[in-house]
Amino acid sequence: MTEDRIFTTSVASVYPLYVAKAERKGRSKAEVDQILFWLTGHDAASLQRELDAGTDFRTFFATAPHMNPVRERITGVVCGVRVEEIEDPLMREIRYLDKLIDELAKGKAMDKILRQPA
């Protein structure tokens, strides 16, 4: 079985696409960053280091400071696949991020996106 190409794709090459998607829908780069910080435990400086280094998705998630345990509450469909049914752990992490960015672009409130209690 061949490995999915996204695993070796640099986060820096996809990050501007996340930001552009958010901005097209009236959201901000700061909100994209907030999602990344929440999901991975990165802060502004460590995220920038990863982007500058050209870190691939595999390494980005494997070396994240603290993956948020609440991320397992993320459910729904991304690219026609239910996130909670994805078996490959790395692909699930990538799709969690995709789902959060989709929710941001759809106008969902940040507290809902970040799975904070009401």
Protein backbone atom coordinates (compact mmCIF):
# COMPACT_ATOMS: atom_id res chain seq x y z
CA MET A 1 0.00 0.00 0.00
CA THR A 2 1.38 3.39 -0.92
CA GLU A 3 1.60 6.23 1.53
CA ASP A 4 -0.66 9.22 1.08
CA ARG A 5 1.21 12.19 -0.40
CA ILE A 6 -0.20 14.60 2.17
CA PHE A 7 1.92 12.93 4.89
CA THR A 8 5.11 14.25 3.31
CA THR A 9 3.67 17.58 2.21
CA SER A 10 4.98 20.58 4.11
CA VAL A 11 2.54 22.30 6.42
CA ALA A 12 3.92 25.60 5.10
CA SER A 13 2.63 24.77 1.61
CA VAL A 14 -0.93 24.17 2.86
CA TYR A 15 -1.09 26.82 5.62
CA PRO A 16 -1.61 29.74 3.17
CA LEU A 17 -4.52 27.81 1.65
CA TYR A 18 -6.14 27.45 5.09
CA VAL A 19 -5.69 31.18 5.68
CA ALA A 20 -7.02 32.09 2.22
CA LYS A 21 -10.09 29.88 2.70
CA ALA A 22 -10.81 31.53 6.04
CA GLU A 23 -10.25 35.06 4.72
CA ARG A 24 -12.50 34.47 1.69
CA LYS A 25 -15.28 33.78 4.18
CA GLY A 26 -14.59 36.84 6.32
CA ARG A 27 -12.51 35.06 8.96
CA SER A 28 -8.90 35.79 9.90
CA LYS A 29 -5.40 34.34 9.94
CA ALA A 30 -5.48 34.80 13.73
CA GLU A 31 -8.46 32.43 13.91
CA VAL A 32 -6.65 29.84 11.78
CA ASP A 33 -3.69 30.15 14.13
CA GLN A 34 -5.96 29.81 17.17
CA ILE A 35 -7.27 26.53 15.74
CA LEU A 36 -3.73 25.25 15.16
CA PHE A 37 -2.66 26.30 18.67
CA TRP A 38 -5.68 24.58 20.22
CA LEU A 39 -5.22 21.38 18.20
CA THR A 40 -1.45 20.96 18.54
CA GLY A 41 -0.30 22.98 21.55
CA HIS A 42 1.91 25.16 19.37
CA ASP A 43 2.23 28.86 20.07
CA ALA A 44 2.98 31.60 17.54
CA ALA A 45 6.76 31.16 17.77
CA SER A 46 6.80 27.36 17.54
CA LEU A 47 4.27 27.34 14.69
CA GLN A 48 6.39 29.84 12.77
CA ARG A 49 9.49 27.69 13.32
CA GLU A 50 7.66 24.67 11.87
CA LEU A 51 6.49 26.70 8.87
CA ASP A 52 9.97 28.15 8.28
CA ALA A 53 11.55 24.69 8.54
CA GLY A 54 9.19 23.23 5.94
CA THR A 55 8.07 20.53 8.36
CA ASP A 56 5.88 17.85 6.77
CA PHE A 57 2.52 16.84 8.23
CA ARG A 58 3.87 13.57 9.64
CA THR A 59 6.56 15.37 11.65
CA PHE A 60 4.30 18.31 12.52
CA PHE A 61 1.78 16.10 14.28
CA ALA A 62 4.33 13.64 15.69
CA THR A 63 6.31 16.41 17.38
CA ALA A 64 3.41 18.69 18.35
CA PRO A 65 3.84 20.05 21.88
CA HIS A 66 0.48 18.74 23.09
CA MET A 67 -2.27 17.28 20.96
CA ASN A 68 -5.56 18.38 22.47
CA PRO A 69 -7.43 15.34 23.85
CA VAL A 70 -10.76 17.07 23.13
CA ARG A 71 -10.02 16.75 19.39
CA GLU A 72 -11.65 13.33 19.52
CA ARG A 73 -15.00 15.16 19.78
CA ILE A 74 -14.53 16.37 16.20
CA THR A 75 -16.99 14.53 14.01
CA GLY A 76 -18.46 15.00 10.59
CA VAL A 77 -17.57 14.62 6.95
CA VAL A 78 -14.47 15.95 5.19
CA CYS A 79 -13.84 15.07 1.55
CA GLY A 80 -16.74 12.63 1.67
CA VAL A 81 -15.30 10.64 4.58
CA ARG A 82 -16.50 10.62 8.19
CA VAL A 83 -13.60 11.90 10.29
CA GLU A 84 -14.36 9.61 13.21
CA GLU A 85 -14.16 6.55 10.94
CA ILE A 86 -10.69 7.24 9.52
CA GLU A 87 -8.44 4.38 10.64
CA ASP A 88 -5.00 5.84 9.94
CA PRO A 89 -4.10 7.99 12.98
CA LEU A 90 -2.08 10.53 10.98
CA MET A 91 -4.77 10.95 8.34
CA ARG A 92 -7.33 11.41 11.13
CA GLU A 93 -5.22 14.24 12.63
CA ILE A 94 -4.95 15.94 9.23
CA ARG A 95 -8.69 15.60 8.66
CA TYR A 96 -9.41 16.97 12.15
CA LEU A 97 -7.53 20.10 11.09
CA ASP A 98 -9.36 20.21 7.76
CA LYS A 99 -12.72 19.87 9.52
CA LEU A 100 -11.92 22.71 11.94
CA ILE A 101 -10.90 25.00 9.06
CA ASP A 102 -14.10 24.06 7.20
CA GLU A 103 -16.16 24.95 10.27
CA LEU A 104 -14.34 28.29 10.54
CA ALA A 105 -15.04 29.05 6.87
CA LYS A 106 -18.70 28.15 7.34
CA GLY A 107 -19.02 30.82 10.02
CA LYS A 108 -19.23 28.62 13.09
CA ALA A 109 -18.42 30.35 16.39
CA MET A 110 -14.89 29.76 17.74
CA ASP A 111 -16.15 28.29 21.03
CA LYS A 112 -18.08 25.67 19.03
CA ILE A 113 -15.13 24.99 16.72
CA LEU A 114 -12.84 24.49 19.71
CA ARG A 115 -15.38 22.19 21.37
CA GLN A 116 -15.74 24.37 24.44
CA PRO A 117 -18.70 23.72 26.72
CA ALA A 118 -21.57 26.18 26.47
